[in-house]
Amino acid sequence: MENSKITVPPIGLTAKYPEVGTGPCSTDIYHDPEIYRKEIEAVFKRSWFMIGRVEQIPNAGDFFTYELPTFKQSVLIVRDKDGQVNGFHNVCTHRGNVVEHRPDGKCKGVFMC
């Protein structure tokens, strides 16, 4: 008896997109720092982030801070005397110090480093 071969037609994504191929894929996307930097620029810096809710700061002077590890930055969210919610970099512009170290609280005036 002769050995015979059966050709199996491609199925799934490789059938629809044969240019993708079936070989091994690079894992660089998971650990390459340059790819990560590009991803931050192209995706994360162009998107809104949910960092809190207005209910966390119901009264004038109420605030909370939030760390953005992707950007290595801290933000300060505060409700002002007019009831508006404002967000700032949690860093002093003339010394580079952190303005508010507490995770949340009440400011009774102005934030100072």
C-alpha atoms as a PDB file:
ATOM      1  CA  MET A   1       0.000   0.000   0.000  1.00  0.00           C
ATOM      2  CA  GLU A   2       1.293   3.394  -0.930  1.00  0.00           C
ATOM      3  CA  ASN A   3       1.563   6.284   1.569  1.00  0.00           C
ATOM      4  CA  SER A   4      -0.844   8.988   0.603  1.00  0.00           C
ATOM      5  CA  LYS A   5      -1.021  12.590   1.733  1.00  0.00           C
ATOM      6  CA  ILE A   6      -4.128  14.602   2.282  1.00  0.00           C
ATOM      7  CA  THR A   7      -4.041  18.339   1.787  1.00  0.00           C
ATOM      8  CA  VAL A   8      -5.988  20.094   4.504  1.00  0.00           C
ATOM      9  CA  PRO A   9      -7.318  23.502   3.500  1.00  0.00           C
ATOM     10  CA  PRO A  10      -6.302  26.389   5.759  1.00  0.00           C
ATOM     11  CA  ILE A  11      -8.942  27.490   8.246  1.00  0.00           C
ATOM     12  CA  GLY A  12      -9.501  30.472  10.508  1.00  0.00           C
ATOM     13  CA  LEU A  13      -7.417  33.623  10.265  1.00  0.00           C
ATOM     14  CA  THR A  14      -4.652  32.041   8.209  1.00  0.00           C
ATOM     15  CA  ALA A  15      -7.198  31.203   5.520  1.00  0.00           C
ATOM     16  CA  LYS A  16      -8.510  34.746   5.459  1.00  0.00           C
ATOM     17  CA  TYR A  17      -5.098  36.431   5.840  1.00  0.00           C
ATOM     18  CA  PRO A  18      -2.449  34.110   4.390  1.00  0.00           C
ATOM     19  CA  GLU A  19       0.186  36.864   4.587  1.00  0.00           C
ATOM     20  CA  VAL A  20       0.132  36.476   8.376  1.00  0.00           C
ATOM     21  CA  GLY A  21       1.682  33.049   8.019  1.00  0.00           C
ATOM     22  CA  THR A  22       1.904  30.269  10.557  1.00  0.00           C
ATOM     23  CA  GLY A  23       5.497  30.645  11.708  1.00  0.00           C
ATOM     24  CA  PRO A  24       6.684  31.797  15.108  1.00  0.00           C
ATOM     25  CA  CYS A  25       5.915  35.363  16.173  1.00  0.00           C
ATOM     26  CA  SER A  26       8.377  37.795  17.705  1.00  0.00           C
ATOM     27  CA  THR A  27       7.942  38.369  21.434  1.00  0.00           C
ATOM     28  CA  ASP A  28       9.561  41.817  21.287  1.00  0.00           C
ATOM     29  CA  ILE A  29       6.171  43.465  21.643  1.00  0.00           C
ATOM     30  CA  TYR A  30       6.044  42.192  25.232  1.00  0.00           C
ATOM     31  CA  HIS A  31       9.430  43.391  26.485  1.00  0.00           C
ATOM     32  CA  ASP A  32      11.160  45.784  24.082  1.00  0.00           C
ATOM     33  CA  PRO A  33      11.548  49.231  25.762  1.00  0.00           C
ATOM     34  CA  GLU A  34      11.412  51.063  22.429  1.00  0.00           C
ATOM     35  CA  ILE A  35       8.111  49.428  21.480  1.00  0.00           C
ATOM     36  CA  TYR A  36       6.757  50.327  24.941  1.00  0.00           C
ATOM     37  CA  ARG A  37       7.854  53.970  24.521  1.00  0.00           C
ATOM     38  CA  LYS A  38       6.131  54.161  21.129  1.00  0.00           C
ATOM     39  CA  GLU A  39       2.993  52.586  22.594  1.00  0.00           C
ATOM     40  CA  ILE A  40       2.885  55.187  25.370  1.00  0.00           C
ATOM     41  CA  GLU A  41       3.198  57.989  22.813  1.00  0.00           C
ATOM     42  CA  ALA A  42       0.722  56.556  20.296  1.00  0.00           C
ATOM     43  CA  VAL A  43      -1.909  55.131  22.640  1.00  0.00           C
ATOM     44  CA  PHE A  44      -1.737  56.228  26.271  1.00  0.00           C
ATOM     45  CA  LYS A  45      -0.812  59.891  25.797  1.00  0.00           C
ATOM     46  CA  ARG A  46      -3.740  60.304  23.402  1.00  0.00           C
ATOM     47  CA  SER A  47      -6.386  58.839  25.690  1.00  0.00           C
ATOM     48  CA  TRP A  48      -8.380  59.967  28.685  1.00  0.00           C
ATOM     49  CA  PHE A  49      -7.802  58.145  31.956  1.00  0.00           C
ATOM     50  CA  MET A  50     -10.397  57.438  34.614  1.00  0.00           C
ATOM     51  CA  ILE A  51      -8.587  58.449  37.783  1.00  0.00           C
ATOM     52  CA  GLY A  52     -11.454  59.230  40.100  1.00  0.00           C
ATOM     53  CA  ARG A  53     -15.023  60.365  40.522  1.00  0.00           C
ATOM     54  CA  VAL A  54     -16.412  63.785  41.371  1.00  0.00           C
ATOM     55  CA  GLU A  55     -18.101  62.209  44.394  1.00  0.00           C
ATOM     56  CA  GLN A  56     -14.623  61.854  45.934  1.00  0.00           C
ATOM     57  CA  ILE A  57     -14.369  65.639  46.222  1.00  0.00           C
ATOM     58  CA  PRO A  58     -17.868  66.927  47.063  1.00  0.00           C
ATOM     59  CA  ASN A  59     -16.835  70.195  48.760  1.00  0.00           C
ATOM     60  CA  ALA A  60     -14.619  73.159  47.956  1.00  0.00           C
ATOM     61  CA  GLY A  61     -11.031  72.388  48.963  1.00  0.00           C
ATOM     62  CA  ASP A  62     -11.468  68.606  48.823  1.00  0.00           C
ATOM     63  CA  PHE A  63      -8.700  66.912  46.864  1.00  0.00           C
ATOM     64  CA  PHE A  64      -7.106  63.613  45.993  1.00  0.00           C
ATOM     65  CA  THR A  65      -3.841  62.654  44.370  1.00  0.00           C
ATOM     66  CA  TYR A  66      -3.316  59.938  41.802  1.00  0.00           C
ATOM     67  CA  GLU A  67      -0.127  58.279  40.596  1.00  0.00           C
ATOM     68  CA  LEU A  68       0.205  57.614  36.871  1.00  0.00           C
ATOM     69  CA  PRO A  69       2.951  54.964  36.821  1.00  0.00           C
ATOM     70  CA  THR A  70       2.931  54.732  33.026  1.00  0.00           C
ATOM     71  CA  PHE A  71       4.110  58.343  32.880  1.00  0.00           C
ATOM     72  CA  LYS A  72       5.956  58.395  36.222  1.00  0.00           C
ATOM     73  CA  GLN A  73       3.824  61.362  37.267  1.00  0.00           C
ATOM     74  CA  SER A  74       1.452  62.311  40.044  1.00  0.00           C
ATOM     75  CA  VAL A  75      -1.641  64.451  39.567  1.00  0.00           C
ATOM     76  CA  LEU A  76      -3.595  66.523  42.068  1.00  0.00           C
ATOM     77  CA  ILE A  77      -7.368  66.795  41.605  1.00  0.00           C
ATOM     78  CA  VAL A  78      -9.173  69.493  43.614  1.00  0.00           C
ATOM     79  CA  ARG A  79     -12.590  71.142  43.766  1.00  0.00           C
ATOM     80  CA  ASP A  80     -12.215  74.931  43.846  1.00  0.00           C
ATOM     81  CA  LYS A  81     -14.318  77.509  45.732  1.00  0.00           C
ATOM     82  CA  ASP A  82     -16.587  77.908  42.672  1.00  0.00           C
ATOM     83  CA  GLY A  83     -17.322  74.171  42.604  1.00  0.00           C
ATOM     84  CA  GLN A  84     -15.200  73.433  39.533  1.00  0.00           C
ATOM     85  CA  VAL A  85     -12.987  70.343  39.443  1.00  0.00           C
ATOM     86  CA  ASN A  86      -9.378  71.046  38.427  1.00  0.00           C
ATOM     87  CA  GLY A  87      -6.411  68.808  37.755  1.00  0.00           C
ATOM     88  CA  PHE A  88      -2.739  69.713  38.126  1.00  0.00           C
ATOM     89  CA  HIS A  89       0.637  68.055  37.992  1.00  0.00           C
ATOM     90  CA  ASN A  90       1.422  67.302  41.634  1.00  0.00           C
ATOM     91  CA  VAL A  91       4.763  69.071  41.458  1.00  0.00           C
ATOM     92  CA  CYS A  92       5.988  72.553  42.304  1.00  0.00           C
ATOM     93  CA  THR A  93       6.942  74.468  39.156  1.00  0.00           C
ATOM     94  CA  HIS A  94       9.878  76.332  40.665  1.00  0.00           C
ATOM     95  CA  ARG A  95      11.498  73.637  42.829  1.00  0.00           C
ATOM     96  CA  GLY A  96      10.229  70.384  41.391  1.00  0.00           C
ATOM     97  CA  ASN A  97       9.006  69.181  44.798  1.00  0.00           C
ATOM     98  CA  VAL A  98       5.832  67.177  45.335  1.00  0.00           C
ATOM     99  CA  VAL A  99       3.059  69.603  46.310  1.00  0.00           C
ATOM    100  CA  GLU A 100       0.736  67.228  48.170  1.00  0.00           C
ATOM    101  CA  HIS A 101       1.926  63.998  49.798  1.00  0.00           C
ATOM    102  CA  ARG A 102      -1.413  62.898  51.254  1.00  0.00           C
ATOM    103  CA  PRO A 103      -3.608  60.657  49.072  1.00  0.00           C
ATOM    104  CA  ASP A 104      -6.655  62.844  49.825  1.00  0.00           C
ATOM    105  CA  GLY A 105      -7.902  65.506  52.188  1.00  0.00           C
ATOM    106  CA  LYS A 106      -9.054  69.101  52.500  1.00  0.00           C
ATOM    107  CA  CYS A 107      -7.016  72.150  51.511  1.00  0.00           C
ATOM    108  CA  LYS A 108      -7.800  75.242  53.570  1.00  0.00           C
ATOM    109  CA  GLY A 109      -6.251  77.778  51.239  1.00  0.00           C
ATOM    110  CA  VAL A 110      -3.629  77.203  48.576  1.00  0.00           C
ATOM    111  CA  PHE A 111      -1.316  74.297  47.843  1.00  0.00           C
ATOM    112  CA  MET A 112       2.331  75.129  48.530  1.00  0.00           C
ATOM    113  CA  CYS A 113       5.513  73.088  48.314  1.00  0.00           C
END
